[in-house]
Amino acid sequence: MDTTYTVTLQISVVSALRMTPIPGATVTVSYTGDPDSPLETMTTDESGQTPTITLDAPPRELSLSPDITAQPYSEYNIQVTAEGFEPVLVSGSEILAGEFSLQPIRMNPLNVTEEEEKVVVIPAHTLFGEYPPKIPEEEIKPMNETGEIVLSRVVIPEYVIVHDGVPEDPTARNYWVRYKDYIKNDVYPDMSKEYCNLDIVALNKLIIDDVFHIDEEKYEDYVHSTRSYESCYKDIQDGKYDIMFIMNPVRVEQIRNITAMGERLPEVTISVFPKPSFIL
């Protein structure tokens, strides 16, 4: 009777400094009990991820009954090396049969660490290993925190993670994409780069549409344009509007290039100078 089942594993490698993906990293997988005999050696792609591999694991039924004393998961070592980064060894990565496992790895750049190797040892699972009993706690605890995090300044990320599937699908791949490339493709994918670079286009799509969710029917009720900075500032001070955006003027070459491709300019860009300010 075959008592061996399989599981798929993928390793995601990023820099611990800025959480950016590390392409070209070498990843070696071996049994924890036999670390000197590699089972798989892989290289990460541009998103810092390895191909998925298939590994052996005990039957899943071992994890479904508290009376079974056999270990219900396999343990593997994961060794990662990359140029310019401190090597990482994860010992005891736990793999359960019939599941997709994603092992994240964070590597320290050599210029910020003095260690020769970062070793992470994963202890036995709390439902399998021998641990002291848990201290009883109140089921309902007071919550003094709001759960919201407000940063002291605006932070624009260098990368964003794009999940290639519905949020509930753990098998869908995650891709690391530069934020500039992401918003460039997110504005209007079918329009030219010149058109998407217009301030009014970016403002309407990324702020008014995606953040404030103001549709065309309510646009004039909430958004007002003016060519006078003074009047715009006064409306903010008087509480008539909440937010003011000051945009760069449209360049003549932008108009020439956009119209040459048969695209129409937004109405507010017809007047080249001065460029309107917007308030919400």
C-alpha atoms as a PDB file:
ATOM      1  CA  MET A   1       0.000   0.000   0.000  1.00  0.00           C
ATOM      2  CA  ASP A   2       1.423   3.377  -0.989  1.00  0.00           C
ATOM      3  CA  THR A   3       1.470   5.680   2.057  1.00  0.00           C
ATOM      4  CA  THR A   4       3.158   8.622   0.285  1.00  0.00           C
ATOM      5  CA  TYR A   5       1.190  11.630  -0.933  1.00  0.00           C
ATOM      6  CA  THR A   6       2.350  14.725  -2.751  1.00  0.00           C
ATOM      7  CA  VAL A   7       2.260  18.461  -2.221  1.00  0.00           C
ATOM      8  CA  THR A   8       3.250  21.445  -4.380  1.00  0.00           C
ATOM      9  CA  LEU A   9       5.755  23.983  -3.073  1.00  0.00           C
ATOM     10  CA  GLN A  10       6.843  27.389  -4.311  1.00  0.00           C
ATOM     11  CA  ILE A  11       9.430  29.721  -2.776  1.00  0.00           C
ATOM     12  CA  SER A  12       9.152  33.516  -2.922  1.00  0.00           C
ATOM     13  CA  VAL A  13      12.405  35.451  -2.361  1.00  0.00           C
ATOM     14  CA  VAL A  14      12.505  39.173  -1.538  1.00  0.00           C
ATOM     15  CA  SER A  15      14.953  41.671  -0.070  1.00  0.00           C
ATOM     16  CA  ALA A  16      14.403  42.346   3.631  1.00  0.00           C
ATOM     17  CA  LEU A  17      15.402  45.969   3.115  1.00  0.00           C
ATOM     18  CA  ARG A  18      12.667  47.123   0.740  1.00  0.00           C
ATOM     19  CA  MET A  19      10.626  43.947   0.128  1.00  0.00           C
ATOM     20  CA  THR A  20      11.622  43.962  -3.553  1.00  0.00           C
ATOM     21  CA  PRO A  21      11.835  40.643  -5.435  1.00  0.00           C
ATOM     22  CA  ILE A  22      15.228  39.030  -5.979  1.00  0.00           C
ATOM     23  CA  PRO A  23      15.517  37.459  -9.443  1.00  0.00           C
ATOM     24  CA  GLY A  24      18.239  34.951 -10.201  1.00  0.00           C
ATOM     25  CA  ALA A  25      18.439  33.568  -6.651  1.00  0.00           C
ATOM     26  CA  THR A  26      19.466  29.900  -6.352  1.00  0.00           C
ATOM     27  CA  VAL A  27      17.082  27.818  -4.226  1.00  0.00           C
ATOM     28  CA  THR A  28      17.948  24.292  -3.073  1.00  0.00           C
ATOM     29  CA  VAL A  29      15.415  21.984  -1.383  1.00  0.00           C
ATOM     30  CA  SER A  30      16.333  18.898   0.651  1.00  0.00           C
ATOM     31  CA  TYR A  31      14.884  16.704   3.402  1.00  0.00           C
ATOM     32  CA  THR A  32      15.507  18.153   6.858  1.00  0.00           C
ATOM     33  CA  GLY A  33      16.764  14.741   7.946  1.00  0.00           C
ATOM     34  CA  ASP A  34      19.171  14.544   4.994  1.00  0.00           C
ATOM     35  CA  PRO A  35      20.262  18.136   4.254  1.00  0.00           C
ATOM     36  CA  ASP A  36      23.313  17.099   2.213  1.00  0.00           C
ATOM     37  CA  SER A  37      21.220  15.373  -0.493  1.00  0.00           C
ATOM     38  CA  PRO A  38      19.461  18.048  -2.605  1.00  0.00           C
ATOM     39  CA  LEU A  39      16.102  17.100  -4.106  1.00  0.00           C
ATOM     40  CA  GLU A  40      15.565  20.182  -6.287  1.00  0.00           C
ATOM     41  CA  THR A  41      17.631  23.210  -7.325  1.00  0.00           C
ATOM     42  CA  MET A  42      15.794  26.159  -8.881  1.00  0.00           C
ATOM     43  CA  THR A  43      16.284  29.789  -9.908  1.00  0.00           C
ATOM     44  CA  THR A  44      13.839  32.597  -9.123  1.00  0.00           C
ATOM     45  CA  ASP A  45      12.196  34.597 -11.917  1.00  0.00           C
ATOM     46  CA  GLU A  46      11.745  38.386 -12.213  1.00  0.00           C
ATOM     47  CA  SER A  47       9.029  38.248  -9.549  1.00  0.00           C
ATOM     48  CA  GLY A  48      11.413  36.512  -7.135  1.00  0.00           C
ATOM     49  CA  GLN A  49       9.484  33.237  -7.328  1.00  0.00           C
ATOM     50  CA  THR A  50      10.563  29.704  -8.170  1.00  0.00           C
ATOM     51  CA  PRO A  51       8.598  27.266 -10.326  1.00  0.00           C
ATOM     52  CA  THR A  52       6.240  25.048  -8.347  1.00  0.00           C
ATOM     53  CA  ILE A  53       7.662  21.620  -7.492  1.00  0.00           C
ATOM     54  CA  THR A  54       6.082  18.401  -6.253  1.00  0.00           C
ATOM     55  CA  LEU A  55       7.318  16.852  -2.998  1.00  0.00           C
ATOM     56  CA  ASP A  56       6.359  13.837  -0.889  1.00  0.00           C
ATOM     57  CA  ALA A  57       4.280  14.148   2.271  1.00  0.00           C
ATOM     58  CA  PRO A  58       2.547  11.722   4.680  1.00  0.00           C
ATOM     59  CA  PRO A  59      -1.160  10.931   4.199  1.00  0.00           C
ATOM     60  CA  ARG A  60      -3.415  13.831   5.082  1.00  0.00           C
ATOM     61  CA  GLU A  61      -5.530  11.518   7.263  1.00  0.00           C
ATOM     62  CA  LEU A  62      -2.791  11.608   9.898  1.00  0.00           C
ATOM     63  CA  SER A  63      -3.767  15.210  10.663  1.00  0.00           C
ATOM     64  CA  LEU A  64      -7.498  14.512  11.037  1.00  0.00           C
ATOM     65  CA  SER A  65      -7.477  12.562  14.310  1.00  0.00           C
ATOM     66  CA  PRO A  66      -5.939  13.579  17.666  1.00  0.00           C
ATOM     67  CA  ASP A  67      -5.386   9.900  18.501  1.00  0.00           C
ATOM     68  CA  ILE A  68      -2.794   9.431  15.748  1.00  0.00           C
ATOM     69  CA  THR A  69       0.715  10.089  17.074  1.00  0.00           C
ATOM     70  CA  ALA A  70       2.579   9.939  13.723  1.00  0.00           C
ATOM     71  CA  GLN A  71       3.870  13.257  12.342  1.00  0.00           C
ATOM     72  CA  PRO A  72       1.278  14.403   9.773  1.00  0.00           C
ATOM     73  CA  TYR A  73       3.603  16.582   7.688  1.00  0.00           C
ATOM     74  CA  SER A  74       7.010  16.445   6.026  1.00  0.00           C
ATOM     75  CA  GLU A  75       9.904  18.747   6.870  1.00  0.00           C
ATOM     76  CA  TYR A  76      12.206  20.213   4.253  1.00  0.00           C
ATOM     77  CA  ASN A  77      15.244  22.472   4.301  1.00  0.00           C
ATOM     78  CA  ILE A  78      15.379  25.416   1.924  1.00  0.00           C
ATOM     79  CA  GLN A  79      18.766  26.971   1.150  1.00  0.00           C
ATOM     80  CA  VAL A  80      18.808  30.294  -0.776  1.00  0.00           C
ATOM     81  CA  THR A  81      21.791  32.190  -2.165  1.00  0.00           C
ATOM     82  CA  ALA A  82      21.871  35.340  -4.295  1.00  0.00           C
ATOM     83  CA  GLU A  83      24.593  37.712  -5.396  1.00  0.00           C
ATOM     84  CA  GLY A  84      24.876  40.661  -3.032  1.00  0.00           C
ATOM     85  CA  PHE A  85      22.762  39.040  -0.293  1.00  0.00           C
ATOM     86  CA  GLU A  86      23.391  37.036   2.853  1.00  0.00           C
ATOM     87  CA  PRO A  87      22.611  33.294   2.339  1.00  0.00           C
ATOM     88  CA  VAL A  88      19.468  32.026   4.055  1.00  0.00           C
ATOM     89  CA  LEU A  89      18.724  28.554   5.429  1.00  0.00           C
ATOM     90  CA  VAL A  90      15.179  27.654   6.487  1.00  0.00           C
ATOM     91  CA  SER A  91      15.233  24.385   8.398  1.00  0.00           C
ATOM     92  CA  GLY A  92      12.024  22.448   9.017  1.00  0.00           C
ATOM     93  CA  SER A  93       9.594  23.997   6.533  1.00  0.00           C
ATOM     94  CA  GLU A  94       6.390  22.042   7.161  1.00  0.00           C
ATOM     95  CA  ILE A  95       4.590  20.543   4.152  1.00  0.00           C
ATOM     96  CA  LEU A  96       1.079  19.043   4.404  1.00  0.00           C
ATOM     97  CA  ALA A  97      -0.247  16.623   1.789  1.00  0.00           C
ATOM     98  CA  GLY A  98      -2.742  17.871  -0.761  1.00  0.00           C
ATOM     99  CA  GLU A  99      -1.966  21.553  -0.139  1.00  0.00           C
ATOM    100  CA  PHE A 100      -0.175  24.300  -2.047  1.00  0.00           C
ATOM    101  CA  SER A 101       2.636  25.643   0.136  1.00  0.00           C
ATOM    102  CA  LEU A 102       4.306  29.006  -0.368  1.00  0.00           C
ATOM    103  CA  GLN A 103       7.503  29.591   1.603  1.00  0.00           C
ATOM    104  CA  PRO A 104       8.518  33.277   1.822  1.00  0.00           C
ATOM    105  CA  ILE A 105      12.224  34.072   2.144  1.00  0.00           C
ATOM    106  CA  ARG A 106      13.630  37.472   3.138  1.00  0.00           C
ATOM    107  CA  MET A 107      17.308  38.071   2.387  1.00  0.00           C
ATOM    108  CA  ASN A 108      19.508  40.729   3.979  1.00  0.00           C
ATOM    109  CA  PRO A 109      21.757  42.733   1.633  1.00  0.00           C
ATOM    110  CA  LEU A 110      25.432  42.188   2.428  1.00  0.00           C
ATOM    111  CA  ASN A 111      25.975  45.917   3.052  1.00  0.00           C
ATOM    112  CA  VAL A 112      23.573  45.878   6.041  1.00  0.00           C
ATOM    113  CA  THR A 113      24.579  42.615   7.742  1.00  0.00           C
ATOM    114  CA  GLU A 114      27.704  41.099   9.249  1.00  0.00           C
ATOM    115  CA  GLU A 115      26.419  37.529   9.501  1.00  0.00           C
ATOM    116  CA  GLU A 116      27.738  34.791   7.228  1.00  0.00           C
ATOM    117  CA  GLU A 117      24.377  33.061   6.968  1.00  0.00           C
ATOM    118  CA  LYS A 118      20.857  33.650   8.233  1.00  0.00           C
ATOM    119  CA  VAL A 119      19.422  30.463   9.760  1.00  0.00           C
ATOM    120  CA  VAL A 120      15.703  30.105  10.477  1.00  0.00           C
ATOM    121  CA  VAL A 121      14.687  26.984  12.401  1.00  0.00           C
ATOM    122  CA  ILE A 122      10.970  26.197  12.366  1.00  0.00           C
ATOM    123  CA  PRO A 123       9.992  24.243  15.492  1.00  0.00           C
ATOM    124  CA  ALA A 124       7.488  21.393  15.557  1.00  0.00           C
ATOM    125  CA  HIS A 125       3.874  22.392  14.974  1.00  0.00           C
ATOM    126  CA  THR A 126       2.021  23.329  18.162  1.00  0.00           C
ATOM    127  CA  LEU A 127      -0.580  20.603  17.521  1.00  0.00           C
ATOM    128  CA  PHE A 128       2.120  17.943  17.184  1.00  0.00           C
ATOM    129  CA  GLY A 129       5.082  18.944  19.325  1.00  0.00           C
ATOM    130  CA  GLU A 130       5.242  18.824  23.110  1.00  0.00           C
ATOM    131  CA  TYR A 131       4.671  22.277  24.579  1.00  0.00           C
ATOM    132  CA  PRO A 132       3.493  23.550  27.992  1.00  0.00           C
ATOM    133  CA  PRO A 133      -0.272  24.080  28.221  1.00  0.00           C
ATOM    134  CA  LYS A 134      -1.594  27.404  27.002  1.00  0.00           C
ATOM    135  CA  ILE A 135      -2.432  29.976  29.658  1.00  0.00           C
ATOM    136  CA  PRO A 136      -6.222  30.588  29.644  1.00  0.00           C
ATOM    137  CA  GLU A 137      -7.272  33.976  28.289  1.00  0.00           C
ATOM    138  CA  GLU A 138     -10.511  35.916  28.145  1.00  0.00           C
ATOM    139  CA  GLU A 139     -12.526  35.088  25.034  1.00  0.00           C
ATOM    140  CA  ILE A 140     -13.522  38.737  24.585  1.00  0.00           C
ATOM    141  CA  LYS A 141     -10.880  41.403  25.073  1.00  0.00           C
ATOM    142  CA  PRO A 142     -11.274  45.173  24.977  1.00  0.00           C
ATOM    143  CA  MET A 143     -10.043  46.733  21.746  1.00  0.00           C
ATOM    144  CA  ASN A 144      -8.441  50.135  22.301  1.00  0.00           C
ATOM    145  CA  GLU A 145      -6.933  50.413  18.832  1.00  0.00           C
ATOM    146  CA  THR A 146      -8.850  51.648  15.805  1.00  0.00           C
ATOM    147  CA  GLY A 147      -7.155  49.232  13.437  1.00  0.00           C
ATOM    148  CA  GLU A 148      -6.217  52.072  11.110  1.00  0.00           C
ATOM    149  CA  ILE A 149      -2.645  53.105  10.360  1.00  0.00           C
ATOM    150  CA  VAL A 150      -2.047  56.733   9.435  1.00  0.00           C
ATOM    151  CA  LEU A 151       1.400  57.521   8.074  1.00  0.00           C
ATOM    152  CA  SER A 152       3.077  60.839   8.821  1.00  0.00           C
ATOM    153  CA  ARG A 153       3.811  61.387   5.142  1.00  0.00           C
ATOM    154  CA  VAL A 154       2.729  60.192   1.724  1.00  0.00           C
ATOM    155  CA  VAL A 155       4.626  57.041   0.734  1.00  0.00           C
ATOM    156  CA  ILE A 156       4.743  55.917  -2.900  1.00  0.00           C
ATOM    157  CA  PRO A 157       5.771  52.253  -3.140  1.00  0.00           C
ATOM    158  CA  GLU A 158       8.421  51.103  -5.567  1.00  0.00           C
ATOM    159  CA  TYR A 159       6.629  47.781  -6.156  1.00  0.00           C
ATOM    160  CA  VAL A 160       3.082  46.468  -5.788  1.00  0.00           C
ATOM    161  CA  ILE A 161       2.008  42.820  -5.596  1.00  0.00           C
ATOM    162  CA  VAL A 162      -0.545  41.829  -8.250  1.00  0.00           C
ATOM    163  CA  HIS A 163      -2.499  38.656  -7.402  1.00  0.00           C
ATOM    164  CA  ASP A 164      -3.316  36.827 -10.651  1.00  0.00           C
ATOM    165  CA  GLY A 165      -6.687  35.488  -9.532  1.00  0.00           C
ATOM    166  CA  VAL A 166      -9.530  36.005  -7.070  1.00  0.00           C
ATOM    167  CA  PRO A 167      -8.423  36.879  -3.497  1.00  0.00           C
ATOM    168  CA  GLU A 168      -9.593  33.498  -2.163  1.00  0.00           C
ATOM    169  CA  ASP A 169      -7.455  31.500  -4.627  1.00  0.00           C
ATOM    170  CA  PRO A 170      -4.133  30.585  -2.921  1.00  0.00           C
ATOM    171  CA  THR A 171      -2.874  28.809  -6.053  1.00  0.00           C
ATOM    172  CA  ALA A 172      -2.907  31.998  -8.165  1.00  0.00           C
ATOM    173  CA  ARG A 173       0.526  33.525  -8.637  1.00  0.00           C
ATOM    174  CA  ASN A 174       1.625  36.854  -7.178  1.00  0.00           C
ATOM    175  CA  TYR A 175       3.637  39.154  -9.410  1.00  0.00           C
ATOM    176  CA  TRP A 176       5.879  41.979  -8.241  1.00  0.00           C
ATOM    177  CA  VAL A 177       5.319  44.961 -10.570  1.00  0.00           C
ATOM    178  CA  ARG A 178       6.936  48.368 -10.431  1.00  0.00           C
ATOM    179  CA  TYR A 179       4.321  50.856  -9.218  1.00  0.00           C
ATOM    180  CA  LYS A 180       5.029  53.246 -12.096  1.00  0.00           C
ATOM    181  CA  ASP A 181       4.402  50.479 -14.622  1.00  0.00           C
ATOM    182  CA  TYR A 182       1.292  49.342 -12.754  1.00  0.00           C
ATOM    183  CA  ILE A 183      -0.442  52.714 -12.693  1.00  0.00           C
ATOM    184  CA  LYS A 184       0.638  53.380 -16.282  1.00  0.00           C
ATOM    185  CA  ASN A 185      -1.230  50.264 -17.389  1.00  0.00           C
ATOM    186  CA  ASP A 186      -4.064  50.858 -14.945  1.00  0.00           C
ATOM    187  CA  VAL A 187      -5.011  54.351 -16.200  1.00  0.00           C
ATOM    188  CA  TYR A 188      -6.294  53.594 -19.698  1.00  0.00           C
ATOM    189  CA  PRO A 189      -4.544  50.542 -21.206  1.00  0.00           C
ATOM    190  CA  ASP A 190      -5.943  51.223 -24.692  1.00  0.00           C
ATOM    191  CA  MET A 191      -4.777  54.851 -24.842  1.00  0.00           C
ATOM    192  CA  SER A 192      -1.348  56.192 -25.730  1.00  0.00           C
ATOM    193  CA  LYS A 193       1.374  56.939 -23.198  1.00  0.00           C
ATOM    194  CA  GLU A 194       1.124  60.657 -24.041  1.00  0.00           C
ATOM    195  CA  TYR A 195      -2.591  60.667 -23.248  1.00  0.00           C
ATOM    196  CA  CYS A 196      -2.151  58.798 -19.939  1.00  0.00           C
ATOM    197  CA  ASN A 197       0.618  61.223 -18.917  1.00  0.00           C
ATOM    198  CA  LEU A 198      -1.777  64.179 -18.898  1.00  0.00           C
ATOM    199  CA  ASP A 199      -2.367  65.411 -15.347  1.00  0.00           C
ATOM    200  CA  ILE A 200      -6.137  65.636 -15.803  1.00  0.00           C
ATOM    201  CA  VAL A 201      -6.317  62.021 -17.048  1.00  0.00           C
ATOM    202  CA  ALA A 202      -4.315  60.683 -14.096  1.00  0.00           C
ATOM    203  CA  LEU A 203      -6.330  62.818 -11.674  1.00  0.00           C
ATOM    204  CA  ASN A 204      -9.694  61.662 -13.025  1.00  0.00           C
ATOM    205  CA  LYS A 205      -8.810  57.967 -13.156  1.00  0.00           C
ATOM    206  CA  LEU A 206      -6.521  57.375 -10.179  1.00  0.00           C
ATOM    207  CA  ILE A 207      -7.963  59.877  -7.694  1.00  0.00           C
ATOM    208  CA  ILE A 208     -11.499  60.939  -8.574  1.00  0.00           C
ATOM    209  CA  ASP A 209     -12.615  57.559  -9.948  1.00  0.00           C
ATOM    210  CA  ASP A 210     -10.556  55.015  -7.975  1.00  0.00           C
ATOM    211  CA  VAL A 211     -10.205  56.804  -4.625  1.00  0.00           C
ATOM    212  CA  PHE A 212     -13.305  59.015  -4.277  1.00  0.00           C
ATOM    213  CA  HIS A 213     -15.545  56.934  -6.577  1.00  0.00           C
ATOM    214  CA  ILE A 214     -17.175  60.015  -8.104  1.00  0.00           C
ATOM    215  CA  ASP A 215     -18.942  59.005 -11.314  1.00  0.00           C
ATOM    216  CA  GLU A 216     -19.736  61.236 -14.293  1.00  0.00           C
ATOM    217  CA  GLU A 217     -23.271  62.009 -13.093  1.00  0.00           C
ATOM    218  CA  LYS A 218     -22.010  63.517  -9.818  1.00  0.00           C
ATOM    219  CA  TYR A 219     -18.762  64.940 -11.191  1.00  0.00           C
ATOM    220  CA  GLU A 220     -19.960  68.565 -11.403  1.00  0.00           C
ATOM    221  CA  ASP A 221     -21.495  68.351  -7.918  1.00  0.00           C
ATOM    222  CA  TYR A 222     -18.153  67.558  -6.282  1.00  0.00           C
ATOM    223  CA  VAL A 223     -15.405  68.731  -8.625  1.00  0.00           C
ATOM    224  CA  HIS A 224     -14.741  72.327  -9.680  1.00  0.00           C
ATOM    225  CA  SER A 225     -11.958  73.726 -11.871  1.00  0.00           C
ATOM    226  CA  THR A 226     -10.525  77.222 -11.763  1.00  0.00           C
ATOM    227  CA  ARG A 227      -7.612  79.087 -13.328  1.00  0.00           C
ATOM    228  CA  SER A 228      -7.115  81.224 -10.217  1.00  0.00           C
ATOM    229  CA  TYR A 229      -4.957  79.849  -7.438  1.00  0.00           C
ATOM    230  CA  GLU A 230      -6.164  82.603  -5.094  1.00  0.00           C
ATOM    231  CA  SER A 231      -9.855  81.770  -5.512  1.00  0.00           C
ATOM    232  CA  CYS A 232      -9.094  78.074  -5.163  1.00  0.00           C
ATOM    233  CA  TYR A 233      -7.183  78.646  -1.916  1.00  0.00           C
ATOM    234  CA  LYS A 234      -9.980  80.892  -0.597  1.00  0.00           C
ATOM    235  CA  ASP A 235     -12.600  78.186  -1.237  1.00  0.00           C
ATOM    236  CA  ILE A 236     -10.476  75.741   0.760  1.00  0.00           C
ATOM    237  CA  GLN A 237     -10.091  78.221   3.621  1.00  0.00           C
ATOM    238  CA  ASP A 238     -13.838  78.915   3.631  1.00  0.00           C
ATOM    239  CA  GLY A 239     -14.619  75.203   3.848  1.00  0.00           C
ATOM    240  CA  LYS A 240     -16.396  75.100   0.498  1.00  0.00           C
ATOM    241  CA  TYR A 241     -14.047  72.369  -0.721  1.00  0.00           C
ATOM    242  CA  ASP A 242     -11.748  69.907   1.056  1.00  0.00           C
ATOM    243  CA  ILE A 243      -8.866  69.166  -1.319  1.00  0.00           C
ATOM    244  CA  MET A 244      -6.999  71.186  -3.923  1.00  0.00           C
ATOM    245  CA  PHE A 245      -4.907  69.780  -6.797  1.00  0.00           C
ATOM    246  CA  ILE A 246      -2.538  72.036  -8.759  1.00  0.00           C
ATOM    247  CA  MET A 247      -1.546  70.515 -12.075  1.00  0.00           C
ATOM    248  CA  ASN A 248       1.262  71.113 -14.525  1.00  0.00           C
ATOM    249  CA  PRO A 249       0.462  72.938 -17.763  1.00  0.00           C
ATOM    250  CA  VAL A 250      -0.107  70.919 -20.910  1.00  0.00           C
ATOM    251  CA  ARG A 251       2.777  71.177 -23.345  1.00  0.00           C
ATOM    252  CA  VAL A 252       2.202  71.999 -26.976  1.00  0.00           C
ATOM    253  CA  GLU A 253       4.044  68.850 -28.090  1.00  0.00           C
ATOM    254  CA  GLN A 254       1.690  66.751 -25.950  1.00  0.00           C
ATOM    255  CA  ILE A 255      -1.317  68.179 -27.775  1.00  0.00           C
ATOM    256  CA  ARG A 256       0.366  67.643 -31.133  1.00  0.00           C
ATOM    257  CA  ASN A 257       1.279  64.015 -30.398  1.00  0.00           C
ATOM    258  CA  ILE A 258      -2.115  63.079 -28.949  1.00  0.00           C
ATOM    259  CA  THR A 259      -4.150  64.597 -31.760  1.00  0.00           C
ATOM    260  CA  ALA A 260      -1.811  63.050 -34.357  1.00  0.00           C
ATOM    261  CA  MET A 261      -2.807  59.607 -33.038  1.00  0.00           C
ATOM    262  CA  GLY A 262      -6.489  60.427 -33.421  1.00  0.00           C
ATOM    263  CA  GLU A 263      -7.166  60.756 -29.694  1.00  0.00           C
ATOM    264  CA  ARG A 264      -9.289  63.537 -28.246  1.00  0.00           C
ATOM    265  CA  LEU A 265      -8.081  65.701 -25.394  1.00  0.00           C
ATOM    266  CA  PRO A 266     -10.175  66.069 -22.238  1.00  0.00           C
ATOM    267  CA  GLU A 267     -12.148  69.309 -22.364  1.00  0.00           C
ATOM    268  CA  VAL A 268     -10.190  71.085 -19.621  1.00  0.00           C
ATOM    269  CA  THR A 269      -6.917  70.687 -21.506  1.00  0.00           C
ATOM    270  CA  ILE A 270      -7.997  72.775 -24.488  1.00  0.00           C
ATOM    271  CA  SER A 271      -6.604  75.897 -22.794  1.00  0.00           C
ATOM    272  CA  VAL A 272      -2.876  75.301 -22.648  1.00  0.00           C
ATOM    273  CA  PHE A 273      -1.930  78.129 -20.289  1.00  0.00           C
ATOM    274  CA  PRO A 274      -2.672  78.639 -17.505  1.00  0.00           C
ATOM    275  CA  LYS A 275      -3.449  75.064 -16.512  1.00  0.00           C
ATOM    276  CA  PRO A 276      -6.592  74.801 -14.329  1.00  0.00           C
ATOM    277  CA  SER A 277      -6.448  73.905 -10.659  1.00  0.00           C
ATOM    278  CA  PHE A 278      -8.980  71.445  -9.273  1.00  0.00           C
ATOM    279  CA  ILE A 279     -10.707  71.343  -5.915  1.00  0.00           C
ATOM    280  CA  LEU A 280     -12.873  68.656  -4.346  1.00  0.00           C
END
